N, C-alpha and C. Protein backbone atom coordinates (compact mmCIF):
# COMPACT_ATOMS: atom_id res chain seq x y z
N MET A 1 0.39 10.44 -26.58
CA MET A 1 0.36 9.47 -25.68
C MET A 1 -0.75 9.28 -24.67
N ASP A 2 -0.96 8.06 -24.20
CA ASP A 2 -2.17 7.85 -23.33
C ASP A 2 -1.88 8.52 -22.03
N THR A 3 -2.84 9.07 -21.49
CA THR A 3 -2.61 9.76 -20.32
C THR A 3 -2.52 8.78 -19.07
N LYS A 4 -2.84 7.65 -19.18
CA LYS A 4 -2.95 6.65 -18.08
C LYS A 4 -1.49 6.27 -18.07
N LYS A 5 -0.72 5.97 -19.26
CA LYS A 5 0.65 5.73 -19.41
C LYS A 5 1.50 6.53 -18.80
N ILE A 6 1.15 7.95 -18.98
CA ILE A 6 1.93 9.20 -18.50
C ILE A 6 1.93 9.15 -16.92
N VAL A 7 0.72 8.97 -16.30
CA VAL A 7 0.59 9.04 -14.96
C VAL A 7 1.36 7.67 -14.12
N MET A 8 1.02 6.66 -14.67
CA MET A 8 1.69 5.45 -14.36
C MET A 8 3.28 5.56 -14.27
N GLY A 9 3.75 6.17 -15.46
CA GLY A 9 5.32 6.28 -15.43
C GLY A 9 5.58 7.26 -14.49
N ALA A 10 4.99 8.33 -14.13
CA ALA A 10 5.42 9.47 -13.24
C ALA A 10 5.31 8.95 -11.82
N LEU A 11 4.20 7.98 -11.53
CA LEU A 11 4.30 7.32 -10.36
C LEU A 11 5.34 6.36 -9.95
N VAL A 12 5.67 5.59 -11.22
CA VAL A 12 6.92 4.63 -10.97
C VAL A 12 8.20 5.41 -10.71
N VAL A 13 8.25 6.46 -11.51
CA VAL A 13 9.59 7.45 -11.15
C VAL A 13 9.57 8.06 -9.73
N PHE A 14 8.38 8.52 -9.32
CA PHE A 14 8.46 9.19 -7.91
C PHE A 14 8.56 7.95 -6.82
N VAL A 15 8.10 6.83 -6.91
CA VAL A 15 8.22 5.77 -6.03
C VAL A 15 9.78 5.34 -6.02
N LEU A 16 10.40 5.23 -7.24
CA LEU A 16 12.01 4.76 -7.31
C LEU A 16 12.78 5.94 -6.85
N PHE A 17 12.15 7.10 -6.81
CA PHE A 17 12.96 8.15 -6.07
C PHE A 17 12.87 8.20 -4.79
N VAL A 18 11.90 7.97 -4.14
CA VAL A 18 11.76 7.93 -2.72
C VAL A 18 12.39 6.64 -2.17
N ILE A 19 12.24 5.68 -2.85
CA ILE A 19 13.06 4.55 -2.35
C ILE A 19 14.62 4.71 -2.35
N ILE A 20 15.22 5.44 -3.49
CA ILE A 20 16.64 5.56 -3.53
C ILE A 20 17.08 6.61 -2.71
N THR A 21 16.08 7.78 -2.40
CA THR A 21 16.88 8.94 -1.61
C THR A 21 16.40 8.62 -0.02
N GLN A 22 15.18 8.05 0.23
CA GLN A 22 14.85 7.74 1.59
C GLN A 22 14.44 6.21 1.86
N PRO A 23 15.50 5.39 1.96
CA PRO A 23 15.03 4.05 1.86
C PRO A 23 14.33 3.60 3.27
N VAL A 24 14.83 4.21 4.28
CA VAL A 24 14.10 4.11 5.63
C VAL A 24 12.66 4.47 5.51
N LYS A 25 12.40 5.70 5.23
CA LYS A 25 10.96 6.20 5.08
C LYS A 25 10.29 5.29 4.33
N ALA A 26 10.67 4.96 3.11
CA ALA A 26 9.81 4.14 2.15
C ALA A 26 9.60 2.78 2.81
N ALA A 27 10.57 2.30 3.56
CA ALA A 27 10.42 1.11 4.37
C ALA A 27 9.20 1.12 5.46
N ASP A 28 9.23 2.39 6.05
CA ASP A 28 8.16 2.51 6.99
C ASP A 28 6.84 2.59 6.47
N MET A 29 6.83 3.41 5.29
CA MET A 29 5.60 3.33 4.58
C MET A 29 4.92 2.04 3.95
N VAL A 30 5.85 1.32 3.77
CA VAL A 30 5.53 -0.17 3.20
C VAL A 30 4.95 -0.95 4.37
N GLN A 31 5.44 -0.87 5.46
CA GLN A 31 5.17 -1.55 6.77
C GLN A 31 3.92 -1.02 7.26
N ILE A 32 3.61 0.33 7.25
CA ILE A 32 2.16 0.87 7.45
C ILE A 32 1.04 0.40 6.50
N GLY A 33 1.46 0.24 5.45
CA GLY A 33 0.46 -0.34 4.34
C GLY A 33 0.17 -1.63 4.74
N PHE A 34 1.05 -2.51 4.87
CA PHE A 34 0.83 -3.97 5.15
C PHE A 34 0.17 -4.17 6.48
N GLN A 35 0.51 -3.20 7.47
CA GLN A 35 -0.19 -3.32 8.76
C GLN A 35 -1.59 -3.08 8.59
N GLY A 36 -2.07 -1.94 7.72
CA GLY A 36 -3.26 -1.40 7.62
C GLY A 36 -4.20 -2.77 6.70
N ILE A 37 -3.49 -3.47 5.98
CA ILE A 37 -4.23 -4.58 5.23
C ILE A 37 -4.23 -5.74 6.10
N SER A 38 -3.40 -5.89 7.09
CA SER A 38 -3.60 -7.09 7.90
C SER A 38 -4.63 -6.65 8.93
N ASP A 39 -4.74 -5.34 9.46
CA ASP A 39 -5.71 -5.02 10.41
C ASP A 39 -7.19 -5.32 9.77
N ALA A 40 -7.31 -4.67 8.41
CA ALA A 40 -8.61 -4.80 7.79
C ALA A 40 -9.08 -6.26 7.59
N ALA A 41 -8.11 -7.06 7.30
CA ALA A 41 -8.30 -8.55 7.11
C ALA A 41 -8.78 -9.19 8.35
N HIS A 42 -7.99 -8.73 9.47
CA HIS A 42 -8.56 -9.18 10.77
C HIS A 42 -9.96 -9.02 11.11
N GLY A 43 -10.11 -7.69 10.92
CA GLY A 43 -11.47 -7.08 11.12
C GLY A 43 -12.70 -7.84 10.46
N ILE A 44 -12.37 -8.10 9.09
CA ILE A 44 -13.34 -8.71 8.34
C ILE A 44 -13.57 -10.14 8.88
N GLY A 45 -12.39 -10.93 9.33
CA GLY A 45 -12.60 -12.16 9.82
C GLY A 45 -13.33 -12.21 11.04
N GLU A 46 -13.12 -11.28 11.89
CA GLU A 46 -13.97 -11.17 13.12
C GLU A 46 -15.45 -10.91 12.76
N PHE A 47 -15.60 -9.99 11.83
CA PHE A 47 -17.01 -9.77 11.47
C PHE A 47 -17.85 -11.02 10.89
N MET A 48 -17.14 -11.80 10.00
CA MET A 48 -17.65 -12.98 9.35
C MET A 48 -17.77 -14.13 10.52
N THR A 49 -16.96 -14.07 11.54
CA THR A 49 -17.11 -15.08 12.55
C THR A 49 -18.47 -14.80 13.25
N GLU A 50 -18.53 -13.39 13.71
CA GLU A 50 -19.73 -13.02 14.47
C GLU A 50 -21.07 -13.30 13.63
N LEU A 51 -20.92 -13.14 12.34
CA LEU A 51 -22.04 -13.04 11.57
C LEU A 51 -22.45 -14.62 11.57
N VAL A 52 -21.64 -15.59 11.44
CA VAL A 52 -21.98 -16.93 11.52
C VAL A 52 -22.64 -17.36 12.81
N ARG A 53 -22.16 -16.85 13.92
CA ARG A 53 -22.74 -17.28 15.21
C ARG A 53 -24.10 -16.98 15.44
């Protein structure tokens, strides 16, 4: 089997396991991830705004 497929399958199983066994913790991790993406986008927007000025 392809190693990439095995690793991706294991990752999917792990994510599903965490979601099923600890849904509150999984939701917190997703919220933290989206908050990080939002903060990064905000920072890039501020940088571009200052760059244009």
